[in-house]
Amino acid sequence: MFHYRTHGTCSTGIDLDIDENGVITYCKIIDGCRGNTEGLGRMVIGRSAEEVADLLAGIPCRGNTSCPDQLSRAIRAYTQQA
């Protein structure tokens, strides 16, 4: 399990697992707007991590980031450390 500490959002962290084929198998966004973060976490399971990171990168909310953007950054950090 990879834990990413978020920055600039209501959420405080993201727990993430990506399998050897690059598919997201687990995603939990901690804190934040419960319905949105739980929905986002469920929507990305079973999808290509690279595709999800590309789709969500740069989405703003408050300031210059958002929970989707932070998930994109978490995926990039996960794949860089693997």
C-alpha atoms as a PDB file:
ATOM      1  CA  MET A   1       0.000   0.000   0.000  1.00  0.00           C
ATOM      2  CA  PHE A   2       1.329   3.406  -1.014  1.00  0.00           C
ATOM      3  CA  HIS A   3       0.355   6.467   1.025  1.00  0.00           C
ATOM      4  CA  TYR A   4       0.507   9.926  -0.512  1.00  0.00           C
ATOM      5  CA  ARG A   5       0.123  13.025   1.640  1.00  0.00           C
ATOM      6  CA  THR A   6      -1.975  15.578  -0.229  1.00  0.00           C
ATOM      7  CA  HIS A   7      -1.259  19.309  -0.353  1.00  0.00           C
ATOM      8  CA  GLY A   8      -3.635  22.237  -0.853  1.00  0.00           C
ATOM      9  CA  THR A   9      -6.889  20.266  -0.540  1.00  0.00           C
ATOM     10  CA  CYS A  10      -9.447  19.334   2.109  1.00  0.00           C
ATOM     11  CA  SER A  11      -8.329  15.721   1.775  1.00  0.00           C
ATOM     12  CA  THR A  12      -5.252  14.814   3.804  1.00  0.00           C
ATOM     13  CA  GLY A  13      -3.986  11.703   2.046  1.00  0.00           C
ATOM     14  CA  ILE A  14      -4.503   9.013  -0.566  1.00  0.00           C
ATOM     15  CA  ASP A  15      -3.936   5.281  -0.109  1.00  0.00           C
ATOM     16  CA  LEU A  16      -3.240   3.588  -3.420  1.00  0.00           C
ATOM     17  CA  ASP A  17      -2.329   0.227  -4.924  1.00  0.00           C
ATOM     18  CA  ILE A  18      -1.479  -0.398  -8.560  1.00  0.00           C
ATOM     19  CA  ASP A  19      -0.875  -3.903  -9.891  1.00  0.00           C
ATOM     20  CA  GLU A  20       1.984  -5.101 -12.114  1.00  0.00           C
ATOM     21  CA  ASN A  21      -0.129  -4.341 -15.219  1.00  0.00           C
ATOM     22  CA  GLY A  22      -0.527  -0.678 -14.244  1.00  0.00           C
ATOM     23  CA  VAL A  23      -4.153  -1.063 -13.134  1.00  0.00           C
ATOM     24  CA  ILE A  24      -5.418   0.650  -9.990  1.00  0.00           C
ATOM     25  CA  THR A  25      -6.627  -2.003  -7.538  1.00  0.00           C
ATOM     26  CA  TYR A  26      -7.248   0.190  -4.473  1.00  0.00           C
ATOM     27  CA  CYS A  27      -7.843   3.884  -3.957  1.00  0.00           C
ATOM     28  CA  LYS A  28      -9.026   5.624  -0.813  1.00  0.00           C
ATOM     29  CA  ILE A  29      -8.965   9.377  -0.447  1.00  0.00           C
ATOM     30  CA  ILE A  30      -8.793  10.359   3.210  1.00  0.00           C
ATOM     31  CA  ASP A  31     -10.958  13.228   4.472  1.00  0.00           C
ATOM     32  CA  GLY A  32     -12.289  15.811   2.024  1.00  0.00           C
ATOM     33  CA  CYS A  33     -15.862  15.919   0.698  1.00  0.00           C
ATOM     34  CA  ARG A  34     -16.951  12.378   1.527  1.00  0.00           C
ATOM     35  CA  GLY A  35     -19.315  11.739  -1.385  1.00  0.00           C
ATOM     36  CA  ASN A  36     -16.952  13.145  -3.992  1.00  0.00           C
ATOM     37  CA  THR A  37     -13.822  11.482  -2.678  1.00  0.00           C
ATOM     38  CA  GLU A  38     -15.471   8.101  -2.163  1.00  0.00           C
ATOM     39  CA  GLY A  39     -17.027   8.275  -5.625  1.00  0.00           C
ATOM     40  CA  LEU A  40     -13.743   9.242  -7.244  1.00  0.00           C
ATOM     41  CA  GLY A  41     -11.936   6.442  -5.440  1.00  0.00           C
ATOM     42  CA  ARG A  42     -14.444   3.865  -6.662  1.00  0.00           C
ATOM     43  CA  MET A  43     -14.451   5.174 -10.230  1.00  0.00           C
ATOM     44  CA  VAL A  44     -10.722   4.695 -10.747  1.00  0.00           C
ATOM     45  CA  ILE A  45     -10.471   1.083  -9.513  1.00  0.00           C
ATOM     46  CA  GLY A  46      -9.905  -1.250 -12.455  1.00  0.00           C
ATOM     47  CA  ARG A  47      -8.644   1.524 -14.735  1.00  0.00           C
ATOM     48  CA  SER A  48      -5.203   2.173 -16.130  1.00  0.00           C
ATOM     49  CA  ALA A  49      -3.209   4.285 -13.688  1.00  0.00           C
ATOM     50  CA  GLU A  50      -1.539   6.166 -16.535  1.00  0.00           C
ATOM     51  CA  GLU A  51      -4.884   6.985 -18.149  1.00  0.00           C
ATOM     52  CA  VAL A  52      -6.369   8.174 -14.845  1.00  0.00           C
ATOM     53  CA  ALA A  53      -3.321  10.329 -14.068  1.00  0.00           C
ATOM     54  CA  ASP A  54      -3.537  11.965 -17.498  1.00  0.00           C
ATOM     55  CA  LEU A  55      -7.293  12.591 -17.190  1.00  0.00           C
ATOM     56  CA  LEU A  56      -7.139  14.154 -13.721  1.00  0.00           C
ATOM     57  CA  ALA A  57      -3.924  16.193 -13.922  1.00  0.00           C
ATOM     58  CA  GLY A  58      -4.341  19.930 -13.496  1.00  0.00           C
ATOM     59  CA  ILE A  59      -8.013  20.030 -12.444  1.00  0.00           C
ATOM     60  CA  PRO A  60      -8.368  23.059 -10.125  1.00  0.00           C
ATOM     61  CA  CYS A  61     -10.711  23.466  -7.158  1.00  0.00           C
ATOM     62  CA  ARG A  62      -9.447  25.782  -4.452  1.00  0.00           C
ATOM     63  CA  GLY A  63      -6.273  27.402  -5.684  1.00  0.00           C
ATOM     64  CA  ASN A  64      -4.299  25.501  -8.268  1.00  0.00           C
ATOM     65  CA  THR A  65      -5.057  21.901  -7.248  1.00  0.00           C
ATOM     66  CA  SER A  66      -7.947  19.591  -6.305  1.00  0.00           C
ATOM     67  CA  CYS A  67      -8.541  16.080  -5.005  1.00  0.00           C
ATOM     68  CA  PRO A  68      -8.541  14.712  -8.592  1.00  0.00           C
ATOM     69  CA  ASP A  69      -5.285  16.565  -9.322  1.00  0.00           C
ATOM     70  CA  GLN A  70      -3.782  15.241  -6.083  1.00  0.00           C
ATOM     71  CA  LEU A  71      -4.785  11.693  -7.118  1.00  0.00           C
ATOM     72  CA  SER A  72      -2.968  12.264 -10.413  1.00  0.00           C
ATOM     73  CA  ARG A  73       0.106  13.354  -8.473  1.00  0.00           C
ATOM     74  CA  ALA A  74      -0.205  10.350  -6.140  1.00  0.00           C
ATOM     75  CA  ILE A  75      -0.267   7.985  -9.129  1.00  0.00           C
ATOM     76  CA  ARG A  76       2.827   9.655 -10.602  1.00  0.00           C
ATOM     77  CA  ALA A  77       4.636   9.417  -7.241  1.00  0.00           C
ATOM     78  CA  TYR A  78       3.641   5.736  -6.913  1.00  0.00           C
ATOM     79  CA  THR A  79       4.948   4.845 -10.359  1.00  0.00           C
ATOM     80  CA  GLN A  80       8.202   6.764  -9.821  1.00  0.00           C
ATOM     81  CA  GLN A  81       8.984   4.866  -6.623  1.00  0.00           C
ATOM     82  CA  ALA A  82       8.177   1.441  -8.117  1.00  0.00           C
END
